[in-house]
Amino acid sequence: MRDITYPVVIVTAKTLFKALGMRFQTSGTEHIPTTGGAILAANHIGYVDFVFDGLAAQPSNRLVRFMAKKEAFDHAVGGPLMRSFHHIEVDRDAGESSYRKAVEYARSGEIVGIFPEATISRSFEIKDLKTGAVRMAAEAGVPLIPMVTWGTQLLKTKDHESDLWGRGKTIALHVGAPLDVTGEDPVAETARLRDAMSTLLDRAITEYPLSPEGQWWAPARYGGLAPTPEEAARLDAEEKAAKAARRAARQAERDAS
């Protein structure tokens, strides 16, 4: 693929991060192949995760094509930029086309980034994962690479004020060993992926320079103030119901006009 804007934006972002005094903790970046396709499966704790996840592929001199929700491509400025990066638009009402495109990308030698939790984790734990990442890797015949990001929730996440400049913040990027998957039992292989991501998350939290104790951005099991996974699931369900109600109300207004 021809990339004009993507490399320029990466250089600009790195320069900005340095100027803001941001620090990075990384491990396992050697697991991202220098050639060939792969599915990079990452946790999802904030709205800017993909901005940083791609940096994990920089030591291998690779660019990651992220799967992102359709709304990101509808933005007047962000949409054309996302398309210039060759990211993959995901319409949740027509997911098959984005799935097929991701498989095509990976099969042709691209690294495809996916968030198998689908939505941001309010508990900052690894949520239940969709099986799509496993099925994509198996169908494309490429490795499935687990990774986690930590610290991006301090910049912008659900239910909290944003600090997008992130002055002096530390972002952790931990990549795990590739998983060979066959797709014969997507549920079991997805459980393996979740276990690998959970192990990486524990490392990210314990090695992070700030103590999680009493912090809103840390999981409850580490003494943090984030909702437990059960409480987070309830909040997610309430949010989903509220969105559905708003959509129904807008549709009713359109039908009445």
C-alpha atoms as a PDB file:
ATOM      1  CA  MET A   1       0.000   0.000   0.000  1.00  0.00           C
ATOM      2  CA  ARG A   2       1.156   3.484  -0.728  1.00  0.00           C
ATOM      3  CA  ASP A   3       1.489   5.563   2.443  1.00  0.00           C
ATOM      4  CA  ILE A   4       2.029   9.305   2.294  1.00  0.00           C
ATOM      5  CA  THR A   5       0.334  10.755   5.367  1.00  0.00           C
ATOM      6  CA  TYR A   6       0.836   7.881   7.831  1.00  0.00           C
ATOM      7  CA  PRO A   7       4.666   8.091   8.186  1.00  0.00           C
ATOM      8  CA  VAL A   8       4.529  11.899   8.401  1.00  0.00           C
ATOM      9  CA  VAL A   9       1.907  11.797  11.147  1.00  0.00           C
ATOM     10  CA  ILE A  10       3.931   9.233  13.115  1.00  0.00           C
ATOM     11  CA  VAL A  11       7.050  11.415  13.020  1.00  0.00           C
ATOM     12  CA  THR A  12       4.980  14.447  14.037  1.00  0.00           C
ATOM     13  CA  ALA A  13       3.330  12.530  16.883  1.00  0.00           C
ATOM     14  CA  LYS A  14       6.662  11.275  18.222  1.00  0.00           C
ATOM     15  CA  THR A  15       7.998  14.815  18.203  1.00  0.00           C
ATOM     16  CA  LEU A  16       4.913  16.055  20.059  1.00  0.00           C
ATOM     17  CA  PHE A  17       5.097  13.264  22.633  1.00  0.00           C
ATOM     18  CA  LYS A  18       8.734  14.127  23.324  1.00  0.00           C
ATOM     19  CA  ALA A  19       7.929  17.827  23.666  1.00  0.00           C
ATOM     20  CA  LEU A  20       5.185  16.964  26.166  1.00  0.00           C
ATOM     21  CA  GLY A  21       7.606  14.925  28.238  1.00  0.00           C
ATOM     22  CA  MET A  22       5.712  11.698  27.691  1.00  0.00           C
ATOM     23  CA  ARG A  23       7.547   8.491  28.542  1.00  0.00           C
ATOM     24  CA  PHE A  24       7.079   5.005  27.142  1.00  0.00           C
ATOM     25  CA  GLN A  25       7.533   1.583  28.676  1.00  0.00           C
ATOM     26  CA  THR A  26       7.704  -1.181  26.082  1.00  0.00           C
ATOM     27  CA  SER A  27       8.352  -4.881  26.002  1.00  0.00           C
ATOM     28  CA  GLY A  28       8.002  -7.662  23.463  1.00  0.00           C
ATOM     29  CA  THR A  29       8.012  -5.425  20.395  1.00  0.00           C
ATOM     30  CA  GLU A  30      10.313  -7.973  18.750  1.00  0.00           C
ATOM     31  CA  HIS A  31       7.261 -10.231  18.462  1.00  0.00           C
ATOM     32  CA  ILE A  32       5.834  -8.016  15.719  1.00  0.00           C
ATOM     33  CA  PRO A  33       7.150  -9.435  12.431  1.00  0.00           C
ATOM     34  CA  THR A  34       9.227  -7.294  10.102  1.00  0.00           C
ATOM     35  CA  THR A  35       7.466  -8.849   7.120  1.00  0.00           C
ATOM     36  CA  GLY A  36       4.201 -10.639   6.500  1.00  0.00           C
ATOM     37  CA  GLY A  37       0.716 -10.285   7.848  1.00  0.00           C
ATOM     38  CA  ALA A  38      -0.535 -10.557  11.422  1.00  0.00           C
ATOM     39  CA  ILE A  39      -3.533  -9.731  13.573  1.00  0.00           C
ATOM     40  CA  LEU A  40      -2.581  -7.470  16.500  1.00  0.00           C
ATOM     41  CA  ALA A  41      -5.192  -7.867  19.239  1.00  0.00           C
ATOM     42  CA  ALA A  42      -5.117  -5.118  21.869  1.00  0.00           C
ATOM     43  CA  ASN A  43      -7.066  -4.185  24.968  1.00  0.00           C
ATOM     44  CA  HIS A  44      -9.313  -1.137  24.909  1.00  0.00           C
ATOM     45  CA  ILE A  45      -9.173   1.303  27.828  1.00  0.00           C
ATOM     46  CA  GLY A  46      -9.482   4.712  26.157  1.00  0.00           C
ATOM     47  CA  TYR A  47     -10.503   6.639  23.092  1.00  0.00           C
ATOM     48  CA  VAL A  48      -6.934   7.220  21.879  1.00  0.00           C
ATOM     49  CA  ASP A  49      -5.592   3.679  22.248  1.00  0.00           C
ATOM     50  CA  PHE A  50      -4.965   3.208  18.527  1.00  0.00           C
ATOM     51  CA  VAL A  51      -2.825   6.362  18.417  1.00  0.00           C
ATOM     52  CA  PHE A  52      -0.317   4.657  20.698  1.00  0.00           C
ATOM     53  CA  ASP A  53      -0.798   0.975  19.858  1.00  0.00           C
ATOM     54  CA  GLY A  54       0.745   1.519  16.443  1.00  0.00           C
ATOM     55  CA  LEU A  55       3.985   2.673  18.074  1.00  0.00           C
ATOM     56  CA  ALA A  56       4.610  -0.896  19.221  1.00  0.00           C
ATOM     57  CA  ALA A  57       5.163  -1.813  15.561  1.00  0.00           C
ATOM     58  CA  GLN A  58       7.694   0.941  14.926  1.00  0.00           C
ATOM     59  CA  PRO A  59      10.785  -1.060  16.011  1.00  0.00           C
ATOM     60  CA  SER A  60       9.825  -3.544  13.272  1.00  0.00           C
ATOM     61  CA  ASN A  61       9.302  -0.653  10.861  1.00  0.00           C
ATOM     62  CA  ARG A  62       5.671  -1.648  10.312  1.00  0.00           C
ATOM     63  CA  LEU A  63       2.435   0.289   9.983  1.00  0.00           C
ATOM     64  CA  VAL A  64      -0.740  -1.058  11.585  1.00  0.00           C
ATOM     65  CA  ARG A  65      -4.120  -0.890   9.840  1.00  0.00           C
ATOM     66  CA  PHE A  66      -6.655  -0.512  12.635  1.00  0.00           C
ATOM     67  CA  MET A  67     -10.280  -1.555  12.584  1.00  0.00           C
ATOM     68  CA  ALA A  68     -12.297   1.387  13.872  1.00  0.00           C
ATOM     69  CA  LYS A  69     -15.972   2.175  14.186  1.00  0.00           C
ATOM     70  CA  LYS A  70     -17.723   3.896  11.298  1.00  0.00           C
ATOM     71  CA  GLU A  71     -18.267   7.118  13.246  1.00  0.00           C
ATOM     72  CA  ALA A  72     -14.525   7.832  13.202  1.00  0.00           C
ATOM     73  CA  PHE A  73     -14.615   7.813   9.399  1.00  0.00           C
ATOM     74  CA  ASP A  74     -17.627  10.140   9.278  1.00  0.00           C
ATOM     75  CA  HIS A  75     -15.693  13.031  10.850  1.00  0.00           C
ATOM     76  CA  ALA A  76     -14.956  15.830   8.378  1.00  0.00           C
ATOM     77  CA  VAL A  77     -11.248  15.960   9.240  1.00  0.00           C
ATOM     78  CA  GLY A  78     -10.534  12.623  10.870  1.00  0.00           C
ATOM     79  CA  GLY A  79     -12.370  10.580   8.243  1.00  0.00           C
ATOM     80  CA  PRO A  80     -10.117  11.427   5.277  1.00  0.00           C
ATOM     81  CA  LEU A  81      -7.064  10.977   7.521  1.00  0.00           C
ATOM     82  CA  MET A  82      -8.234   7.538   8.663  1.00  0.00           C
ATOM     83  CA  ARG A  83      -8.795   6.481   5.072  1.00  0.00           C
ATOM     84  CA  SER A  84      -5.354   7.783   4.040  1.00  0.00           C
ATOM     85  CA  PHE A  85      -3.876   5.478   6.729  1.00  0.00           C
ATOM     86  CA  HIS A  86      -5.761   2.554   5.146  1.00  0.00           C
ATOM     87  CA  HIS A  87      -7.561   1.819   8.389  1.00  0.00           C
ATOM     88  CA  ILE A  88     -10.658  -0.383   8.160  1.00  0.00           C
ATOM     89  CA  GLU A  89     -14.125   1.063   8.706  1.00  0.00           C
ATOM     90  CA  VAL A  90     -16.391  -1.078  10.880  1.00  0.00           C
ATOM     91  CA  ASP A  91     -20.145  -0.717  10.517  1.00  0.00           C
ATOM     92  CA  ARG A  92     -21.625  -2.799  13.324  1.00  0.00           C
ATOM     93  CA  ASP A  93     -24.806  -3.236  11.304  1.00  0.00           C
ATOM     94  CA  ALA A  94     -22.822  -4.726   8.398  1.00  0.00           C
ATOM     95  CA  GLY A  95     -19.752  -6.280   9.983  1.00  0.00           C
ATOM     96  CA  GLU A  96     -19.114  -8.944   7.364  1.00  0.00           C
ATOM     97  CA  SER A  97     -17.582  -6.521   4.839  1.00  0.00           C
ATOM     98  CA  SER A  98     -15.082  -5.137   7.375  1.00  0.00           C
ATOM     99  CA  TYR A  99     -14.232  -8.680   8.484  1.00  0.00           C
ATOM    100  CA  ARG A 100     -13.535  -9.715   4.892  1.00  0.00           C
ATOM    101  CA  LYS A 101     -11.407  -6.616   4.312  1.00  0.00           C
ATOM    102  CA  ALA A 102      -9.342  -7.319   7.432  1.00  0.00           C
ATOM    103  CA  VAL A 103      -8.706 -10.900   6.304  1.00  0.00           C
ATOM    104  CA  GLU A 104      -7.722  -9.639   2.845  1.00  0.00           C
ATOM    105  CA  TYR A 105      -5.301  -7.105   4.362  1.00  0.00           C
ATOM    106  CA  ALA A 106      -3.658  -9.675   6.647  1.00  0.00           C
ATOM    107  CA  ARG A 107      -3.429 -12.264   3.898  1.00  0.00           C
ATOM    108  CA  SER A 108      -1.696  -9.721   1.654  1.00  0.00           C
ATOM    109  CA  GLY A 109       0.962  -9.026   4.300  1.00  0.00           C
ATOM    110  CA  GLU A 110      -0.498  -6.183   6.377  1.00  0.00           C
ATOM    111  CA  ILE A 111      -0.680  -5.987  10.162  1.00  0.00           C
ATOM    112  CA  VAL A 112      -4.299  -5.463  11.182  1.00  0.00           C
ATOM    113  CA  GLY A 113      -5.042  -3.972  14.603  1.00  0.00           C
ATOM    114  CA  ILE A 114      -8.227  -5.036  16.336  1.00  0.00           C
ATOM    115  CA  PHE A 115      -9.848  -4.437  19.729  1.00  0.00           C
ATOM    116  CA  PRO A 116     -11.541  -7.788  20.453  1.00  0.00           C
ATOM    117  CA  GLU A 117     -13.342  -6.369  23.497  1.00  0.00           C
ATOM    118  CA  ALA A 118     -15.257  -4.204  20.965  1.00  0.00           C
ATOM    119  CA  THR A 119     -15.900  -1.413  23.494  1.00  0.00           C
ATOM    120  CA  ILE A 120     -13.876   0.413  26.130  1.00  0.00           C
ATOM    121  CA  SER A 121     -13.438  -1.444  29.417  1.00  0.00           C
ATOM    122  CA  ARG A 122     -14.728   0.677  32.273  1.00  0.00           C
ATOM    123  CA  SER A 123     -13.105  -1.711  34.776  1.00  0.00           C
ATOM    124  CA  PHE A 124      -9.773  -1.452  32.916  1.00  0.00           C
ATOM    125  CA  GLU A 125      -9.664  -5.255  33.072  1.00  0.00           C
ATOM    126  CA  ILE A 126      -9.761  -7.467  29.974  1.00  0.00           C
ATOM    127  CA  LYS A 127     -13.434  -7.927  29.109  1.00  0.00           C
ATOM    128  CA  ASP A 128     -14.918 -10.961  27.391  1.00  0.00           C
ATOM    129  CA  LEU A 129     -13.503 -11.060  23.877  1.00  0.00           C
ATOM    130  CA  LYS A 130     -15.264 -11.488  20.565  1.00  0.00           C
ATOM    131  CA  THR A 131     -13.975 -14.394  18.483  1.00  0.00           C
ATOM    132  CA  GLY A 132     -13.344 -12.257  15.398  1.00  0.00           C
ATOM    133  CA  ALA A 133      -9.597 -11.814  15.992  1.00  0.00           C
ATOM    134  CA  VAL A 134      -9.038 -15.576  16.181  1.00  0.00           C
ATOM    135  CA  ARG A 135     -11.201 -16.269  13.143  1.00  0.00           C
ATOM    136  CA  MET A 136      -9.441 -13.572  11.087  1.00  0.00           C
ATOM    137  CA  ALA A 137      -5.970 -14.844  11.925  1.00  0.00           C
ATOM    138  CA  ALA A 138      -6.941 -18.437  11.196  1.00  0.00           C
ATOM    139  CA  GLU A 139      -8.603 -17.630   7.886  1.00  0.00           C
ATOM    140  CA  ALA A 140      -5.754 -15.381   6.733  1.00  0.00           C
ATOM    141  CA  GLY A 141      -3.143 -17.908   7.879  1.00  0.00           C
ATOM    142  CA  VAL A 142      -1.238 -15.352   9.976  1.00  0.00           C
ATOM    143  CA  PRO A 143      -0.117 -15.181  13.628  1.00  0.00           C
ATOM    144  CA  LEU A 144      -2.333 -13.653  16.284  1.00  0.00           C
ATOM    145  CA  ILE A 145      -0.337 -11.256  18.470  1.00  0.00           C
ATOM    146  CA  PRO A 146      -1.668 -10.177  21.885  1.00  0.00           C
ATOM    147  CA  MET A 147      -0.783  -6.785  23.307  1.00  0.00           C
ATOM    148  CA  VAL A 148      -1.917  -4.355  25.970  1.00  0.00           C
ATOM    149  CA  THR A 149      -1.683  -0.633  26.384  1.00  0.00           C
ATOM    150  CA  TRP A 150      -1.683   1.036  29.787  1.00  0.00           C
ATOM    151  CA  GLY A 151      -1.852   4.729  30.656  1.00  0.00           C
ATOM    152  CA  THR A 152      -4.030   5.864  27.753  1.00  0.00           C
ATOM    153  CA  GLN A 153      -7.040   5.943  30.085  1.00  0.00           C
ATOM    154  CA  LEU A 154      -5.361   8.935  31.745  1.00  0.00           C
ATOM    155  CA  LEU A 155      -5.750  10.876  28.494  1.00  0.00           C
ATOM    156  CA  LYS A 156      -9.335  10.170  27.443  1.00  0.00           C
ATOM    157  CA  THR A 157     -11.743   7.445  28.519  1.00  0.00           C
ATOM    158  CA  LYS A 158     -15.358   6.952  29.499  1.00  0.00           C
ATOM    159  CA  ASP A 159     -16.879   8.696  32.509  1.00  0.00           C
ATOM    160  CA  HIS A 160     -13.829  10.878  33.259  1.00  0.00           C
ATOM    161  CA  GLU A 161     -12.472  14.274  32.248  1.00  0.00           C
ATOM    162  CA  SER A 162      -9.961  14.302  29.400  1.00  0.00           C
ATOM    163  CA  ASP A 163      -6.309  15.306  29.556  1.00  0.00           C
ATOM    164  CA  LEU A 164      -5.357  14.893  25.908  1.00  0.00           C
ATOM    165  CA  TRP A 165      -2.046  16.729  26.187  1.00  0.00           C
ATOM    166  CA  GLY A 166      -0.809  14.094  28.612  1.00  0.00           C
ATOM    167  CA  ARG A 167       2.135  16.134  29.859  1.00  0.00           C
ATOM    168  CA  GLY A 168       4.599  13.918  31.694  1.00  0.00           C
ATOM    169  CA  LYS A 169       2.387  10.846  31.380  1.00  0.00           C
ATOM    170  CA  THR A 170       3.766   7.334  30.907  1.00  0.00           C
ATOM    171  CA  ILE A 171       2.276   5.033  28.282  1.00  0.00           C
ATOM    172  CA  ALA A 172       3.060   1.320  28.500  1.00  0.00           C
ATOM    173  CA  LEU A 173       2.997  -0.962  25.449  1.00  0.00           C
ATOM    174  CA  HIS A 174       3.512  -4.670  26.074  1.00  0.00           C
ATOM    175  CA  VAL A 175       3.441  -7.225  23.252  1.00  0.00           C
ATOM    176  CA  GLY A 176       3.145 -10.961  23.765  1.00  0.00           C
ATOM    177  CA  ALA A 177       4.427 -13.932  21.798  1.00  0.00           C
ATOM    178  CA  PRO A 178       2.383 -14.772  18.689  1.00  0.00           C
ATOM    179  CA  LEU A 179      -0.347 -17.370  19.049  1.00  0.00           C
ATOM    180  CA  ASP A 180      -0.844 -19.976  16.337  1.00  0.00           C
ATOM    181  CA  VAL A 181      -4.570 -20.466  15.853  1.00  0.00           C
ATOM    182  CA  THR A 182      -6.480 -22.844  13.613  1.00  0.00           C
ATOM    183  CA  GLY A 183     -10.018 -21.537  13.967  1.00  0.00           C
ATOM    184  CA  GLU A 184     -11.267 -25.064  14.715  1.00  0.00           C
ATOM    185  CA  ASP A 185     -12.402 -23.970  18.182  1.00  0.00           C
ATOM    186  CA  PRO A 186     -12.635 -20.154  18.139  1.00  0.00           C
ATOM    187  CA  VAL A 187     -14.058 -20.007  21.662  1.00  0.00           C
ATOM    188  CA  ALA A 188     -11.186 -21.988  23.221  1.00  0.00           C
ATOM    189  CA  GLU A 189      -8.573 -20.115  21.197  1.00  0.00           C
ATOM    190  CA  THR A 190     -10.150 -16.796  22.174  1.00  0.00           C
ATOM    191  CA  ALA A 191      -9.861 -17.876  25.819  1.00  0.00           C
ATOM    192  CA  ARG A 192      -6.126 -18.425  25.206  1.00  0.00           C
ATOM    193  CA  LEU A 193      -5.899 -14.923  23.749  1.00  0.00           C
ATOM    194  CA  ARG A 194      -7.672 -13.452  26.762  1.00  0.00           C
ATOM    195  CA  ASP A 195      -5.330 -15.279  29.151  1.00  0.00           C
ATOM    196  CA  ALA A 196      -2.307 -13.917  27.257  1.00  0.00           C
ATOM    197  CA  MET A 197      -3.689 -10.381  27.331  1.00  0.00           C
ATOM    198  CA  SER A 198      -4.523 -10.649  31.044  1.00  0.00           C
ATOM    199  CA  THR A 199      -0.942 -11.715  31.808  1.00  0.00           C
ATOM    200  CA  LEU A 200       0.380  -8.738  29.859  1.00  0.00           C
ATOM    201  CA  LEU A 201      -2.038  -6.425  31.667  1.00  0.00           C
ATOM    202  CA  ASP A 202      -0.828  -7.611  35.067  1.00  0.00           C
ATOM    203  CA  ARG A 203       2.745  -6.874  33.995  1.00  0.00           C
ATOM    204  CA  ALA A 204       1.762  -3.429  32.719  1.00  0.00           C
ATOM    205  CA  ILE A 205       0.068  -2.503  35.999  1.00  0.00           C
ATOM    206  CA  THR A 206       2.777  -3.841  38.300  1.00  0.00           C
ATOM    207  CA  GLU A 207       5.608  -2.209  36.311  1.00  0.00           C
ATOM    208  CA  TYR A 208       3.842   1.122  35.867  1.00  0.00           C
ATOM    209  CA  PRO A 209       5.600   3.978  37.702  1.00  0.00           C
ATOM    210  CA  LEU A 210       2.438   5.036  39.551  1.00  0.00           C
ATOM    211  CA  SER A 211       0.855   2.939  42.297  1.00  0.00           C
ATOM    212  CA  PRO A 212      -2.683   1.790  41.451  1.00  0.00           C
ATOM    213  CA  GLU A 213      -3.827   2.002  45.067  1.00  0.00           C
ATOM    214  CA  GLY A 214      -6.763   4.400  45.418  1.00  0.00           C
ATOM    215  CA  GLN A 215      -6.609   5.556  41.796  1.00  0.00           C
ATOM    216  CA  TRP A 216      -9.697   5.944  39.594  1.00  0.00           C
ATOM    217  CA  TRP A 217      -7.769   4.600  36.614  1.00  0.00           C
ATOM    218  CA  ALA A 218      -6.826   1.267  38.222  1.00  0.00           C
ATOM    219  CA  PRO A 219      -8.788  -2.003  38.535  1.00  0.00           C
ATOM    220  CA  ALA A 220     -10.550  -2.715  41.816  1.00  0.00           C
ATOM    221  CA  ARG A 221      -8.525  -5.907  42.377  1.00  0.00           C
ATOM    222  CA  TYR A 222      -5.381  -3.738  42.520  1.00  0.00           C
ATOM    223  CA  GLY A 223      -6.937  -1.431  45.093  1.00  0.00           C
ATOM    224  CA  GLY A 224      -8.095   1.014  42.437  1.00  0.00           C
ATOM    225  CA  LEU A 225     -11.415   2.817  42.314  1.00  0.00           C
ATOM    226  CA  ALA A 226     -12.557   1.610  38.885  1.00  0.00           C
ATOM    227  CA  PRO A 227     -15.801  -0.369  38.748  1.00  0.00           C
ATOM    228  CA  THR A 228     -15.513  -4.110  39.160  1.00  0.00           C
ATOM    229  CA  PRO A 229     -16.070  -6.079  35.940  1.00  0.00           C
ATOM    230  CA  GLU A 230     -19.606  -6.844  37.144  1.00  0.00           C
ATOM    231  CA  GLU A 231     -20.355  -3.183  37.887  1.00  0.00           C
ATOM    232  CA  ALA A 232     -18.826  -2.174  34.549  1.00  0.00           C
ATOM    233  CA  ALA A 233     -21.055  -4.672  32.727  1.00  0.00           C
ATOM    234  CA  ARG A 234     -24.116  -3.100  34.368  1.00  0.00           C
ATOM    235  CA  LEU A 235     -22.998   0.390  33.321  1.00  0.00           C
ATOM    236  CA  ASP A 236     -22.383  -0.844  29.779  1.00  0.00           C
ATOM    237  CA  ALA A 237     -25.870  -2.335  29.626  1.00  0.00           C
ATOM    238  CA  GLU A 238     -27.426   0.901  30.884  1.00  0.00           C
ATOM    239  CA  GLU A 239     -25.465   2.902  28.309  1.00  0.00           C
ATOM    240  CA  LYS A 240     -26.516   0.553  25.516  1.00  0.00           C
ATOM    241  CA  ALA A 241     -30.180   0.801  26.542  1.00  0.00           C
ATOM    242  CA  ALA A 242     -30.003   4.600  26.692  1.00  0.00           C
ATOM    243  CA  LYS A 243     -28.480   4.773  23.207  1.00  0.00           C
ATOM    244  CA  ALA A 244     -31.177   2.462  21.852  1.00  0.00           C
ATOM    245  CA  ALA A 245     -33.851   4.646  23.410  1.00  0.00           C
ATOM    246  CA  ARG A 246     -32.374   7.780  21.835  1.00  0.00           C
ATOM    247  CA  ARG A 247     -32.227   6.094  18.424  1.00  0.00           C
ATOM    248  CA  ALA A 248     -35.850   5.011  18.758  1.00  0.00           C
ATOM    249  CA  ALA A 249     -36.897   8.527  19.743  1.00  0.00           C
ATOM    250  CA  ARG A 250     -35.096  10.050  16.741  1.00  0.00           C
ATOM    251  CA  GLN A 251     -36.691   7.492  14.437  1.00  0.00           C
ATOM    252  CA  ALA A 252     -40.122   8.268  15.894  1.00  0.00           C
ATOM    253  CA  GLU A 253     -39.556  11.969  15.258  1.00  0.00           C
ATOM    254  CA  ARG A 254     -38.569  11.275  11.654  1.00  0.00           C
ATOM    255  CA  ASP A 255     -41.602   9.048  11.130  1.00  0.00           C
ATOM    256  CA  ALA A 256     -43.896  11.734  12.547  1.00  0.00           C
ATOM    257  CA  SER A 257     -42.496  14.525  10.356  1.00  0.00           C
END
